[in-house]
Amino acid sequence: RSELMDFSVRLASNPWFALAQILMYDEPTAGLDPVASTVVEDLIRSLHKPGQPAQQGGISSYIVVTHQHSTIMRAVDRIIFLHGGRVVWEGPAAEFRTTEEPIVKQFATGELEGPI
């Protein structure tokens, strides 16, 4: 969790952050059944309203830390995949399952053999 804390501190110290409405989720669907996870994922999406001020309920951006495939595929547009404390892949969620990056590929398929 120290990587998330470091990222949060760096983000909060950026002057741009004071003007933005960013919501951070840390494993929002951990331990939930598939139906409850879908409810949470839909709620995350429904709160995202780029360009709408916070006073009107808008969240311009959000960050989700998750290990859940359904959350990755349903609730986010872009992925930054961390492994061993470094970024190993970044791209649109639509490309997550088709990337040739070995670490991401193993995670996405659940294969036992691979670099993880």
PDB file of N, CA and C in Angstrom:
ATOM      1  N   ARG A   1       0.808  -1.206   0.000  1.00  0.00           N
ATOM      2  CA  ARG A   1       0.000   0.000   0.000  1.00  0.00           C
ATOM      3  C   ARG A   1       0.852   1.272   0.000  1.00  0.00           C
ATOM      4  N   SER A   2       2.137   1.141   0.256  1.00  0.00           N
ATOM      5  CA  SER A   2       2.976   2.331   0.299  1.00  0.00           C
ATOM      6  C   SER A   2       3.042   3.009  -1.069  1.00  0.00           C
ATOM      7  N   GLU A   3       2.951   2.235  -2.169  1.00  0.00           N
ATOM      8  CA  GLU A   3       2.960   2.832  -3.504  1.00  0.00           C
ATOM      9  C   GLU A   3       1.737   3.716  -3.703  1.00  0.00           C
ATOM     10  N   LEU A   4       0.578   3.251  -3.222  1.00  0.00           N
ATOM     11  CA  LEU A   4      -0.641   4.055  -3.327  1.00  0.00           C
ATOM     12  C   LEU A   4      -0.511   5.321  -2.496  1.00  0.00           C
ATOM     13  N   MET A   5       0.064   5.204  -1.300  1.00  0.00           N
ATOM     14  CA  MET A   5       0.251   6.378  -0.446  1.00  0.00           C
ATOM     15  C   MET A   5       1.205   7.365  -1.093  1.00  0.00           C
ATOM     16  N   ASP A   6       2.321   6.880  -1.642  1.00  0.00           N
ATOM     17  CA  ASP A   6       3.265   7.760  -2.335  1.00  0.00           C
ATOM     18  C   ASP A   6       2.588   8.478  -3.487  1.00  0.00           C
ATOM     19  N   PHE A   7       1.807   7.728  -4.267  1.00  0.00           N
ATOM     20  CA  PHE A   7       1.092   8.325  -5.396  1.00  0.00           C
ATOM     21  C   PHE A   7       0.110   9.385  -4.902  1.00  0.00           C
ATOM     22  N   SER A   8      -0.612   9.095  -3.821  1.00  0.00           N
ATOM     23  CA  SER A   8      -1.602  10.028  -3.277  1.00  0.00           C
ATOM     24  C   SER A   8      -0.938  11.323  -2.827  1.00  0.00           C
ATOM     25  N   VAL A   9       0.200  11.209  -2.157  1.00  0.00           N
ATOM     26  CA  VAL A   9       0.920  12.396  -1.683  1.00  0.00           C
ATOM     27  C   VAL A   9       1.391  13.235  -2.865  1.00  0.00           C
ATOM     28  N   ARG A  10       1.963  12.573  -3.887  1.00  0.00           N
ATOM     29  CA  ARG A  10       2.413  13.317  -5.076  1.00  0.00           C
ATOM     30  C   ARG A  10       1.250  14.000  -5.778  1.00  0.00           C
ATOM     31  N   LEU A  11       0.138  13.296  -5.890  1.00  0.00           N
ATOM     32  CA  LEU A  11      -1.038  13.858  -6.544  1.00  0.00           C
ATOM     33  C   LEU A  11      -1.569  15.058  -5.768  1.00  0.00           C
ATOM     34  N   ALA A  12      -1.675  14.909  -4.456  1.00  0.00           N
ATOM     35  CA  ALA A  12      -2.227  15.982  -3.627  1.00  0.00           C
ATOM     36  C   ALA A  12      -1.333  17.219  -3.617  1.00  0.00           C
ATOM     37  N   SER A  13      -0.029  17.053  -3.829  1.00  0.00           N
ATOM     38  CA  SER A  13       0.873  18.207  -3.824  1.00  0.00           C
ATOM     39  C   SER A  13       0.895  18.936  -5.168  1.00  0.00           C
ATOM     40  N   ASN A  14       0.225  18.409  -6.169  1.00  0.00           N
ATOM     41  CA  ASN A  14       0.153  19.026  -7.492  1.00  0.00           C
ATOM     42  C   ASN A  14      -0.909  20.128  -7.464  1.00  0.00           C
ATOM     43  N   PRO A  15      -0.576  21.357  -7.899  1.00  0.00           N
ATOM     44  CA  PRO A  15      -1.561  22.450  -7.882  1.00  0.00           C
ATOM     45  C   PRO A  15      -2.821  22.142  -8.689  1.00  0.00           C
ATOM     46  N   TRP A  16      -2.698  21.326  -9.726  1.00  0.00           N
ATOM     47  CA  TRP A  16      -3.860  20.964 -10.529  1.00  0.00           C
ATOM     48  C   TRP A  16      -4.887  20.221  -9.691  1.00  0.00           C
ATOM     49  N   PHE A  17      -4.413  19.432  -8.727  1.00  0.00           N
ATOM     50  CA  PHE A  17      -5.289  18.599  -7.903  1.00  0.00           C
ATOM     51  C   PHE A  17      -6.310  19.442  -7.151  1.00  0.00           C
ATOM     52  N   ALA A  18      -5.920  20.638  -6.719  1.00  0.00           N
ATOM     53  CA  ALA A  18      -6.829  21.496  -5.966  1.00  0.00           C
ATOM     54  C   ALA A  18      -8.041  21.899  -6.798  1.00  0.00           C
ATOM     55  N   LEU A  19      -7.913  21.904  -8.114  1.00  0.00           N
ATOM     56  CA  LEU A  19      -9.008  22.307  -8.987  1.00  0.00           C
ATOM     57  C   LEU A  19      -9.855  21.132  -9.458  1.00  0.00           C
ATOM     58  N   ALA A  20      -9.361  19.936  -9.292  1.00  0.00           N
ATOM     59  CA  ALA A  20     -10.045  18.760  -9.820  1.00  0.00           C
ATOM     60  C   ALA A  20     -10.832  18.043  -8.731  1.00  0.00           C
ATOM     61  N   GLN A  21     -11.836  17.311  -9.167  1.00  0.00           N
ATOM     62  CA  GLN A  21     -12.585  16.447  -8.265  1.00  0.00           C
ATOM     63  C   GLN A  21     -12.186  15.011  -8.619  1.00  0.00           C
ATOM     64  N   ILE A  22     -11.325  14.440  -7.797  1.00  0.00           N
ATOM     65  CA  ILE A  22     -10.838  13.085  -8.047  1.00  0.00           C
ATOM     66  C   ILE A  22     -11.242  12.213  -6.870  1.00  0.00           C
ATOM     67  N   LEU A  23     -11.848  11.101  -7.190  1.00  0.00           N
ATOM     68  CA  LEU A  23     -12.243  10.134  -6.176  1.00  0.00           C
ATOM     69  C   LEU A  23     -11.353   8.916  -6.321  1.00  0.00           C
ATOM     70  N   MET A  24     -10.810   8.433  -5.209  1.00  0.00           N
ATOM     71  CA  MET A  24      -9.928   7.268  -5.241  1.00  0.00           C
ATOM     72  C   MET A  24     -10.631   6.091  -4.562  1.00  0.00           C
ATOM     73  N   TYR A  25     -10.648   4.958  -5.246  1.00  0.00           N
ATOM     74  CA  TYR A  25     -11.236   3.733  -4.714  1.00  0.00           C
ATOM     75  C   TYR A  25     -10.122   2.718  -4.506  1.00  0.00           C
ATOM     76  N   ASP A  26     -10.075   2.102  -3.338  1.00  0.00           N
ATOM     77  CA  ASP A  26      -9.083   1.077  -3.046  1.00  0.00           C
ATOM     78  C   ASP A  26      -9.815  -0.247  -2.857  1.00  0.00           C
ATOM     79  N   GLU A  27      -9.715  -1.121  -3.867  1.00  0.00           N
ATOM     80  CA  GLU A  27     -10.371  -2.433  -3.853  1.00  0.00           C
ATOM     81  C   GLU A  27     -11.866  -2.321  -3.517  1.00  0.00           C
ATOM     82  N   PRO A  28     -12.632  -1.543  -4.295  1.00  0.00           N
ATOM     83  CA  PRO A  28     -14.034  -1.300  -3.942  1.00  0.00           C
ATOM     84  C   PRO A  28     -14.942  -2.529  -4.013  1.00  0.00           C
ATOM     85  N   THR A  29     -14.514  -3.575  -4.720  1.00  0.00           N
ATOM     86  CA  THR A  29     -15.367  -4.763  -4.841  1.00  0.00           C
ATOM     87  C   THR A  29     -14.766  -5.985  -4.153  1.00  0.00           C
ATOM     88  N   ALA A  30     -13.725  -5.799  -3.363  1.00  0.00           N
ATOM     89  CA  ALA A  30     -13.079  -6.927  -2.678  1.00  0.00           C
ATOM     90  C   ALA A  30     -14.075  -7.617  -1.747  1.00  0.00           C
ATOM     91  N   GLY A  31     -14.166  -8.915  -1.875  1.00  0.00           N
ATOM     92  CA  GLY A  31     -15.026  -9.700  -0.994  1.00  0.00           C
ATOM     93  C   GLY A  31     -16.499  -9.696  -1.339  1.00  0.00           C
ATOM     94  N   LEU A  32     -16.873  -9.014  -2.411  1.00  0.00           N
ATOM     95  CA  LEU A  32     -18.283  -8.949  -2.790  1.00  0.00           C
ATOM     96  C   LEU A  32     -18.625 -10.055  -3.785  1.00  0.00           C
ATOM     97  N   ASP A  33     -19.887 -10.486  -3.763  1.00  0.00           N
ATOM     98  CA  ASP A  33     -20.333 -11.458  -4.761  1.00  0.00           C
ATOM     99  C   ASP A  33     -20.481 -10.740  -6.107  1.00  0.00           C
ATOM    100  N   PRO A  34     -20.622 -11.482  -7.213  1.00  0.00           N
ATOM    101  CA  PRO A  34     -20.675 -10.860  -8.545  1.00  0.00           C
ATOM    102  C   PRO A  34     -21.791  -9.825  -8.717  1.00  0.00           C
ATOM    103  N   VAL A  35     -22.951 -10.065  -8.130  1.00  0.00           N
ATOM    104  CA  VAL A  35     -24.060  -9.112  -8.278  1.00  0.00           C
ATOM    105  C   VAL A  35     -23.751  -7.824  -7.522  1.00  0.00           C
ATOM    106  N   ALA A  36     -23.282  -7.935  -6.293  1.00  0.00           N
ATOM    107  CA  ALA A  36     -22.933  -6.740  -5.515  1.00  0.00           C
ATOM    108  C   ALA A  36     -21.784  -5.984  -6.186  1.00  0.00           C
ATOM    109  N   SER A  37     -20.828  -6.718  -6.767  1.00  0.00           N
ATOM    110  CA  SER A  37     -19.730  -6.067  -7.490  1.00  0.00           C
ATOM    111  C   SER A  37     -20.256  -5.247  -8.656  1.00  0.00           C
ATOM    112  N   THR A  38     -21.209  -5.796  -9.398  1.00  0.00           N
ATOM    113  CA  THR A  38     -21.792  -5.072 -10.527  1.00  0.00           C
ATOM    114  C   THR A  38     -22.473  -3.788 -10.062  1.00  0.00           C
ATOM    115  N   VAL A  39     -23.161  -3.843  -8.945  1.00  0.00           N
ATOM    116  CA  VAL A  39     -23.819  -2.648  -8.392  1.00  0.00           C
ATOM    117  C   VAL A  39     -22.775  -1.572  -8.090  1.00  0.00           C
ATOM    118  N   VAL A  40     -21.678  -1.964  -7.440  1.00  0.00           N
ATOM    119  CA  VAL A  40     -20.620  -1.005  -7.102  1.00  0.00           C
ATOM    120  C   VAL A  40     -19.962  -0.462  -8.364  1.00  0.00           C
ATOM    121  N   GLU A  41     -19.680  -1.330  -9.335  1.00  0.00           N
ATOM    122  CA  GLU A  41     -19.050  -0.889 -10.586  1.00  0.00           C
ATOM    123  C   GLU A  41     -19.944   0.099 -11.337  1.00  0.00           C
ATOM    124  N   ASP A  42     -21.234  -0.168 -11.367  1.00  0.00           N
ATOM    125  CA  ASP A  42     -22.168   0.769 -12.009  1.00  0.00           C
ATOM    126  C   ASP A  42     -22.229   2.091 -11.260  1.00  0.00           C
ATOM    127  N   LEU A  43     -22.152   2.044  -9.934  1.00  0.00           N
ATOM    128  CA  LEU A  43     -22.154   3.273  -9.137  1.00  0.00           C
ATOM    129  C   LEU A  43     -20.905   4.102  -9.427  1.00  0.00           C
ATOM    130  N   ILE A  44     -19.764   3.442  -9.518  1.00  0.00           N
ATOM    131  CA  ILE A  44     -18.524   4.151  -9.854  1.00  0.00           C
ATOM    132  C   ILE A  44     -18.690   4.878 -11.184  1.00  0.00           C
ATOM    133  N   ARG A  45     -19.205   4.180 -12.181  1.00  0.00           N
ATOM    134  CA  ARG A  45     -19.426   4.797 -13.500  1.00  0.00           C
ATOM    135  C   ARG A  45     -20.413   5.959 -13.423  1.00  0.00           C
ATOM    136  N   SER A  46     -21.481   5.788 -12.661  1.00  0.00           N
ATOM    137  CA  SER A  46     -22.533   6.819 -12.612  1.00  0.00           C
ATOM    138  C   SER A  46     -22.055   8.111 -11.944  1.00  0.00           C
ATOM    139  N   LEU A  47     -21.061   8.010 -11.062  1.00  0.00           N
ATOM    140  CA  LEU A  47     -20.546   9.206 -10.391  1.00  0.00           C
ATOM    141  C   LEU A  47     -19.589  10.008 -11.259  1.00  0.00           C
ATOM    142  N   HIS A  48     -19.076   9.389 -12.321  1.00  0.00           N
ATOM    143  CA  HIS A  48     -18.111  10.050 -13.192  1.00  0.00           C
ATOM    144  C   HIS A  48     -18.835  10.986 -14.143  1.00  0.00           C
ATOM    145  N   LYS A  49     -18.649  12.277 -13.923  1.00  0.00           N
ATOM    146  CA  LYS A  49     -19.301  13.300 -14.745  1.00  0.00           C
ATOM    147  C   LYS A  49     -18.282  14.371 -15.091  1.00  0.00           C
ATOM    148  N   PRO A  50     -17.449  14.104 -16.089  1.00  0.00           N
ATOM    149  CA  PRO A  50     -16.411  15.079 -16.454  1.00  0.00           C
ATOM    150  C   PRO A  50     -17.020  16.431 -16.801  1.00  0.00           C
ATOM    151  N   GLY A  51     -16.381  17.477 -16.315  1.00  0.00           N
ATOM    152  CA  GLY A  51     -16.826  18.819 -16.637  1.00  0.00           C
ATOM    153  C   GLY A  51     -17.928  19.347 -15.745  1.00  0.00           C
ATOM    154  N   GLN A  52     -18.495  18.522 -14.899  1.00  0.00           N
ATOM    155  CA  GLN A  52     -19.553  18.974 -13.989  1.00  0.00           C
ATOM    156  C   GLN A  52     -18.921  19.311 -12.647  1.00  0.00           C
ATOM    157  N   PRO A  53     -19.175  20.515 -12.122  1.00  0.00           N
ATOM    158  CA  PRO A  53     -18.559  20.911 -10.849  1.00  0.00           C
ATOM    159  C   PRO A  53     -18.971  20.001  -9.702  1.00  0.00           C
ATOM    160  N   ALA A  54     -18.088  19.893  -8.716  1.00  0.00           N
ATOM    161  CA  ALA A  54     -18.356  19.053  -7.548  1.00  0.00           C
ATOM    162  C   ALA A  54     -19.625  19.498  -6.833  1.00  0.00           C
ATOM    163  N   GLN A  55     -19.908  20.803  -6.860  1.00  0.00           N
ATOM    164  CA  GLN A  55     -21.112  21.301  -6.201  1.00  0.00           C
ATOM    165  C   GLN A  55     -22.376  20.720  -6.822  1.00  0.00           C
ATOM    166  N   GLN A  56     -22.281  20.263  -8.064  1.00  0.00           N
ATOM    167  CA  GLN A  56     -23.421  19.658  -8.747  1.00  0.00           C
ATOM    168  C   GLN A  56     -23.294  18.134  -8.785  1.00  0.00           C
ATOM    169  N   GLY A  57     -22.405  17.595  -7.967  1.00  0.00           N
ATOM    170  CA  GLY A  57     -22.262  16.151  -7.876  1.00  0.00           C
ATOM    171  C   GLY A  57     -21.320  15.533  -8.882  1.00  0.00           C
ATOM    172  N   GLY A  58     -20.513  16.350  -9.543  1.00  0.00           N
ATOM    173  CA  GLY A  58     -19.621  15.820 -10.570  1.00  0.00           C
ATOM    174  C   GLY A  58     -18.297  15.335 -10.011  1.00  0.00           C
ATOM    175  N   ILE A  59     -17.821  14.237 -10.532  1.00  0.00           N
ATOM    176  CA  ILE A  59     -16.484  13.725 -10.249  1.00  0.00           C
ATOM    177  C   ILE A  59     -15.761  13.726 -11.586  1.00  0.00           C
ATOM    178  N   SER A  60     -14.720  14.574 -11.716  1.00  0.00           N
ATOM    179  CA  SER A  60     -14.065  14.714 -13.013  1.00  0.00           C
ATOM    180  C   SER A  60     -13.215  13.500 -13.360  1.00  0.00           C
ATOM    181  N   SER A  61     -12.626  12.873 -12.365  1.00  0.00           N
ATOM    182  CA  SER A  61     -11.776  11.703 -12.598  1.00  0.00           C
ATOM    183  C   SER A  61     -11.828  10.786 -11.389  1.00  0.00           C
ATOM    184  N   TYR A  62     -11.476   9.544 -11.621  1.00  0.00           N
ATOM    185  CA  TYR A  62     -11.367   8.632 -10.493  1.00  0.00           C
ATOM    186  C   TYR A  62     -10.257   7.635 -10.744  1.00  0.00           C
ATOM    187  N   ILE A  63      -9.731   7.117  -9.648  1.00  0.00           N
ATOM    188  CA  ILE A  63      -8.667   6.127  -9.686  1.00  0.00           C
ATOM    189  C   ILE A  63      -9.171   4.908  -8.929  1.00  0.00           C
ATOM    190  N   VAL A  64      -9.028   3.739  -9.542  1.00  0.00           N
ATOM    191  CA  VAL A  64      -9.469   2.500  -8.917  1.00  0.00           C
ATOM    192  C   VAL A  64      -8.268   1.575  -8.777  1.00  0.00           C
ATOM    193  N   VAL A  65      -7.998   1.136  -7.560  1.00  0.00           N
ATOM    194  CA  VAL A  65      -7.005   0.097  -7.317  1.00  0.00           C
ATOM    195  C   VAL A  65      -7.794  -1.190  -7.146  1.00  0.00           C
ATOM    196  N   THR A  66      -7.533  -2.192  -8.001  1.00  0.00           N
ATOM    197  CA  THR A  66      -8.313  -3.421  -7.934  1.00  0.00           C
ATOM    198  C   THR A  66      -7.554  -4.601  -8.502  1.00  0.00           C
ATOM    199  N   HIS A  67      -7.964  -5.781  -8.067  1.00  0.00           N
ATOM    200  CA  HIS A  67      -7.482  -7.038  -8.634  1.00  0.00           C
ATOM    201  C   HIS A  67      -8.643  -7.785  -9.297  1.00  0.00           C
ATOM    202  N   GLN A  68      -9.823  -7.201  -9.304  1.00  0.00           N
ATOM    203  CA  GLN A  68     -11.029  -7.850  -9.820  1.00  0.00           C
ATOM    204  C   GLN A  68     -11.183  -7.603 -11.315  1.00  0.00           C
ATOM    205  N   HIS A  69     -11.264  -8.695 -12.083  1.00  0.00           N
ATOM    206  CA  HIS A  69     -11.428  -8.560 -13.538  1.00  0.00           C
ATOM    207  C   HIS A  69     -12.697  -7.792 -13.889  1.00  0.00           C
ATOM    208  N   SER A  70     -13.797  -8.076 -13.221  1.00  0.00           N
ATOM    209  CA  SER A  70     -15.046  -7.395 -13.573  1.00  0.00           C
ATOM    210  C   SER A  70     -14.926  -5.895 -13.364  1.00  0.00           C
ATOM    211  N   THR A  71     -14.250  -5.483 -12.302  1.00  0.00           N
ATOM    212  CA  THR A  71     -14.083  -4.051 -12.042  1.00  0.00           C
ATOM    213  C   THR A  71     -13.188  -3.430 -13.100  1.00  0.00           C
ATOM    214  N   ILE A  72     -12.137  -4.140 -13.483  1.00  0.00           N
ATOM    215  CA  ILE A  72     -11.244  -3.640 -14.529  1.00  0.00           C
ATOM    216  C   ILE A  72     -12.024  -3.430 -15.826  1.00  0.00           C
ATOM    217  N   MET A  73     -12.854  -4.393 -16.194  1.00  0.00           N
ATOM    218  CA  MET A  73     -13.543  -4.331 -17.478  1.00  0.00           C
ATOM    219  C   MET A  73     -14.776  -3.419 -17.463  1.00  0.00           C
ATOM    220  N   ARG A  74     -15.450  -3.284 -16.334  1.00  0.00           N
ATOM    221  CA  ARG A  74     -16.699  -2.525 -16.298  1.00  0.00           C
ATOM    222  C   ARG A  74     -16.542  -1.083 -15.821  1.00  0.00           C
ATOM    223  N   ALA A  75     -15.550  -0.821 -14.971  1.00  0.00           N
ATOM    224  CA  ALA A  75     -15.550   0.468 -14.280  1.00  0.00           C
ATOM    225  C   ALA A  75     -14.471   1.448 -14.720  1.00  0.00           C
ATOM    226  N   VAL A  76     -13.550   1.024 -15.576  1.00  0.00           N
ATOM    227  CA  VAL A  76     -12.466   1.933 -15.950  1.00  0.00           C
ATOM    228  C   VAL A  76     -12.311   2.036 -17.467  1.00  0.00           C
ATOM    229  N   ASP A  77     -11.731   3.139 -17.907  1.00  0.00           N
ATOM    230  CA  ASP A  77     -11.443   3.359 -19.326  1.00  0.00           C
ATOM    231  C   ASP A  77      -9.983   3.086 -19.659  1.00  0.00           C
ATOM    232  N   ARG A  78      -9.092   3.455 -18.729  1.00  0.00           N
ATOM    233  CA  ARG A  78      -7.657   3.265 -18.929  1.00  0.00           C
ATOM    234  C   ARG A  78      -7.095   2.490 -17.763  1.00  0.00           C
ATOM    235  N   ILE A  79      -6.046   1.738 -18.042  1.00  0.00           N
ATOM    236  CA  ILE A  79      -5.410   0.915 -17.015  1.00  0.00           C
ATOM    237  C   ILE A  79      -3.928   1.266 -16.941  1.00  0.00           C
ATOM    238  N   ILE A  80      -3.451   1.391 -15.720  1.00  0.00           N
ATOM    239  CA  ILE A  80      -2.014   1.438 -15.454  1.00  0.00           C
ATOM    240  C   ILE A  80      -1.753   0.211 -14.596  1.00  0.00           C
ATOM    241  N   PHE A  81      -1.026  -0.748 -15.131  1.00  0.00           N
ATOM    242  CA  PHE A  81      -0.797  -2.026 -14.471  1.00  0.00           C
ATOM    243  C   PHE A  81       0.553  -1.991 -13.774  1.00  0.00           C
ATOM    244  N   LEU A  82       0.523  -2.163 -12.459  1.00  0.00           N
ATOM    245  CA  LEU A  82       1.744  -2.164 -11.661  1.00  0.00           C
ATOM    246  C   LEU A  82       2.115  -3.587 -11.282  1.00  0.00           C
ATOM    247  N   HIS A  83       3.402  -3.866 -11.304  1.00  0.00           N
ATOM    248  CA  HIS A  83       3.911  -5.159 -10.824  1.00  0.00           C
ATOM    249  C   HIS A  83       5.310  -4.920 -10.282  1.00  0.00           C
ATOM    250  N   GLY A  84       5.546  -5.366  -9.076  1.00  0.00           N
ATOM    251  CA  GLY A  84       6.866  -5.181  -8.476  1.00  0.00           C
ATOM    252  C   GLY A  84       7.230  -3.728  -8.277  1.00  0.00           C
ATOM    253  N   GLY A  85       6.231  -2.889  -8.060  1.00  0.00           N
ATOM    254  CA  GLY A  85       6.479  -1.474  -7.805  1.00  0.00           C
ATOM    255  C   GLY A  85       6.758  -0.627  -9.034  1.00  0.00           C
ATOM    256  N   ARG A  86       6.530  -1.199 -10.221  1.00  0.00           N
ATOM    257  CA  ARG A  86       6.762  -0.395 -11.440  1.00  0.00           C
ATOM    258  C   ARG A  86       5.617  -0.597 -12.429  1.00  0.00           C
ATOM    259  N   VAL A  87       5.460   0.372 -13.302  1.00  0.00           N
ATOM    260  CA  VAL A  87       4.442   0.281 -14.347  1.00  0.00           C
ATOM    261  C   VAL A  87       4.958  -0.677 -15.418  1.00  0.00           C
ATOM    262  N   VAL A  88       4.190  -1.745 -15.681  1.00  0.00           N
ATOM    263  CA  VAL A  88       4.593  -2.696 -16.723  1.00  0.00           C
ATOM    264  C   VAL A  88       3.732  -2.574 -17.977  1.00  0.00           C
ATOM    265  N   TRP A  89       2.588  -1.927 -17.846  1.00  0.00           N
ATOM    266  CA  TRP A  89       1.725  -1.736 -19.011  1.00  0.00           C
ATOM    267  C   TRP A  89       0.749  -0.605 -18.730  1.00  0.00           C
ATOM    268  N   GLU A  90       0.428   0.131 -19.775  1.00  0.00           N
ATOM    269  CA  GLU A  90      -0.568   1.205 -19.693  1.00  0.00           C
ATOM    270  C   GLU A  90      -1.333   1.220 -21.001  1.00  0.00           C
ATOM    271  N   GLY A  91      -2.664   1.333 -20.903  1.00  0.00           N
ATOM    272  CA  GLY A  91      -3.447   1.385 -22.123  1.00  0.00           C
ATOM    273  C   GLY A  91      -4.933   1.371 -21.843  1.00  0.00           C
ATOM    274  N   PRO A  92      -5.723   1.407 -22.901  1.00  0.00           N
ATOM    275  CA  PRO A  92      -7.180   1.375 -22.748  1.00  0.00           C
ATOM    276  C   PRO A  92      -7.644   0.015 -22.232  1.00  0.00           C
ATOM    277  N   ALA A  93      -8.709   0.028 -21.451  1.00  0.00           N
ATOM    278  CA  ALA A  93      -9.262  -1.207 -20.895  1.00  0.00           C
ATOM    279  C   ALA A  93      -9.605  -2.208 -21.996  1.00  0.00           C
ATOM    280  N   ALA A  94     -10.011  -1.709 -23.149  1.00  0.00           N
ATOM    281  CA  ALA A  94     -10.382  -2.587 -24.264  1.00  0.00           C
ATOM    282  C   ALA A  94      -9.206  -3.434 -24.746  1.00  0.00           C
ATOM    283  N   GLU A  95      -7.979  -3.002 -24.493  1.00  0.00           N
ATOM    284  CA  GLU A  95      -6.794  -3.728 -24.936  1.00  0.00           C
ATOM    285  C   GLU A  95      -6.198  -4.619 -23.840  1.00  0.00           C
ATOM    286  N   PHE A  96      -6.799  -4.603 -22.660  1.00  0.00           N
ATOM    287  CA  PHE A  96      -6.265  -5.331 -21.515  1.00  0.00           C
ATOM    288  C   PHE A  96      -6.136  -6.829 -21.787  1.00  0.00           C
ATOM    289  N   ARG A  97      -7.143  -7.426 -22.365  1.00  0.00           N
ATOM    290  CA  ARG A  97      -7.138  -8.880 -22.580  1.00  0.00           C
ATOM    291  C   ARG A  97      -6.354  -9.306 -23.825  1.00  0.00           C
ATOM    292  N   THR A  98      -5.944  -8.360 -24.649  1.00  0.00           N
ATOM    293  CA  THR A  98      -5.244  -8.732 -25.882  1.00  0.00           C
ATOM    294  C   THR A  98      -3.783  -8.298 -25.910  1.00  0.00           C
ATOM    295  N   THR A  99      -3.314  -7.660 -24.848  1.00  0.00           N
ATOM    296  CA  THR A  99      -1.924  -7.217 -24.835  1.00  0.00           C
ATOM    297  C   THR A  99      -0.975  -8.407 -24.841  1.00  0.00           C
ATOM    298  N   GLU A 100       0.188  -8.208 -25.399  1.00  0.00           N
ATOM    299  CA  GLU A 100       1.214  -9.248 -25.427  1.00  0.00           C
ATOM    300  C   GLU A 100       2.201  -9.101 -24.268  1.00  0.00           C
ATOM    301  N   GLU A 101       2.022  -8.090 -23.428  1.00  0.00           N
ATOM    302  CA  GLU A 101       2.877  -7.925 -22.237  1.00  0.00           C
ATOM    303  C   GLU A 101       2.693  -9.166 -21.363  1.00  0.00           C
ATOM    304  N   PRO A 102       3.770  -9.946 -21.127  1.00  0.00           N
ATOM    305  CA  PRO A 102       3.640 -11.240 -20.452  1.00  0.00           C
ATOM    306  C   PRO A 102       3.008 -11.182 -19.055  1.00  0.00           C
ATOM    307  N   ILE A 103       3.355 -10.201 -18.266  1.00  0.00           N
ATOM    308  CA  ILE A 103       2.813 -10.105 -16.914  1.00  0.00           C
ATOM    309  C   ILE A 103       1.318  -9.825 -16.960  1.00  0.00           C
ATOM    310  N   VAL A 104       0.909  -8.886 -17.773  1.00  0.00           N
ATOM    311  CA  VAL A 104      -0.505  -8.540 -17.892  1.00  0.00           C
ATOM    312  C   VAL A 104      -1.281  -9.697 -18.511  1.00  0.00           C
ATOM    313  N   LYS A 105      -0.685 -10.322 -19.506  1.00  0.00           N
ATOM    314  CA  LYS A 105      -1.343 -11.459 -20.167  1.00  0.00           C
ATOM    315  C   LYS A 105      -1.616 -12.585 -19.169  1.00  0.00           C
ATOM    316  N   GLN A 106      -0.632 -12.886 -18.318  1.00  0.00           N
ATOM    317  CA  GLN A 106      -0.835 -13.942 -17.319  1.00  0.00           C
ATOM    318  C   GLN A 106      -1.920 -13.548 -16.327  1.00  0.00           C
ATOM    319  N   PHE A 107      -1.925 -12.304 -15.885  1.00  0.00           N
ATOM    320  CA  PHE A 107      -2.954 -11.842 -14.953  1.00  0.00           C
ATOM    321  C   PHE A 107      -4.337 -11.924 -15.591  1.00  0.00           C
ATOM    322  N   ALA A 108      -4.439 -11.467 -16.833  1.00  0.00           N
ATOM    323  CA  ALA A 108      -5.730 -11.419 -17.521  1.00  0.00           C
ATOM    324  C   ALA A 108      -6.291 -12.810 -17.803  1.00  0.00           C
ATOM    325  N   THR A 109      -5.414 -13.774 -18.066  1.00  0.00           N
ATOM    326  CA  THR A 109      -5.883 -15.123 -18.393  1.00  0.00           C
ATOM    327  C   THR A 109      -5.938 -16.043 -17.188  1.00  0.00           C
ATOM    328  N   GLY A 110      -5.209 -15.695 -16.130  1.00  0.00           N
ATOM    329  CA  GLY A 110      -5.170 -16.552 -14.950  1.00  0.00           C
ATOM    330  C   GLY A 110      -4.307 -17.780 -15.109  1.00  0.00           C
ATOM    331  N   GLU A 111      -3.462 -17.801 -16.130  1.00  0.00           N
ATOM    332  CA  GLU A 111      -2.582 -18.945 -16.365  1.00  0.00           C
ATOM    333  C   GLU A 111      -1.600 -19.105 -15.199  1.00  0.00           C
ATOM    334  N   LEU A 112      -1.314 -20.360 -14.845  1.00  0.00           N
ATOM    335  CA  LEU A 112      -0.379 -20.628 -13.758  1.00  0.00           C
ATOM    336  C   LEU A 112       1.071 -20.434 -14.178  1.00  0.00           C
ATOM    337  N   GLU A 113       1.370 -20.694 -15.439  1.00  0.00           N
ATOM    338  CA  GLU A 113       2.730 -20.542 -15.946  1.00  0.00           C
ATOM    339  C   GLU A 113       2.938 -19.126 -16.460  1.00  0.00           C
ATOM    340  N   GLY A 114       4.055 -18.513 -16.077  1.00  0.00           N
ATOM    341  CA  GLY A 114       4.355 -17.179 -16.557  1.00  0.00           C
ATOM    342  C   GLY A 114       5.238 -16.431 -15.582  1.00  0.00           C
ATOM    343  N   PRO A 115       5.441 -15.149 -15.826  1.00  0.00           N
ATOM    344  CA  PRO A 115       6.392 -14.361 -15.050  1.00  0.00           C
ATOM    345  C   PRO A 115       5.918 -13.955 -13.650  1.00  0.00           C
ATOM    346  N   ILE A 116       4.645 -14.116 -13.353  1.00  0.00           N
ATOM    347  CA  ILE A 116       4.151 -13.707 -12.026  1.00  0.00           C
ATOM    348  C   ILE A 116       4.434 -14.820 -11.023  1.00  0.00           C
TER     349      ILE A 116
END
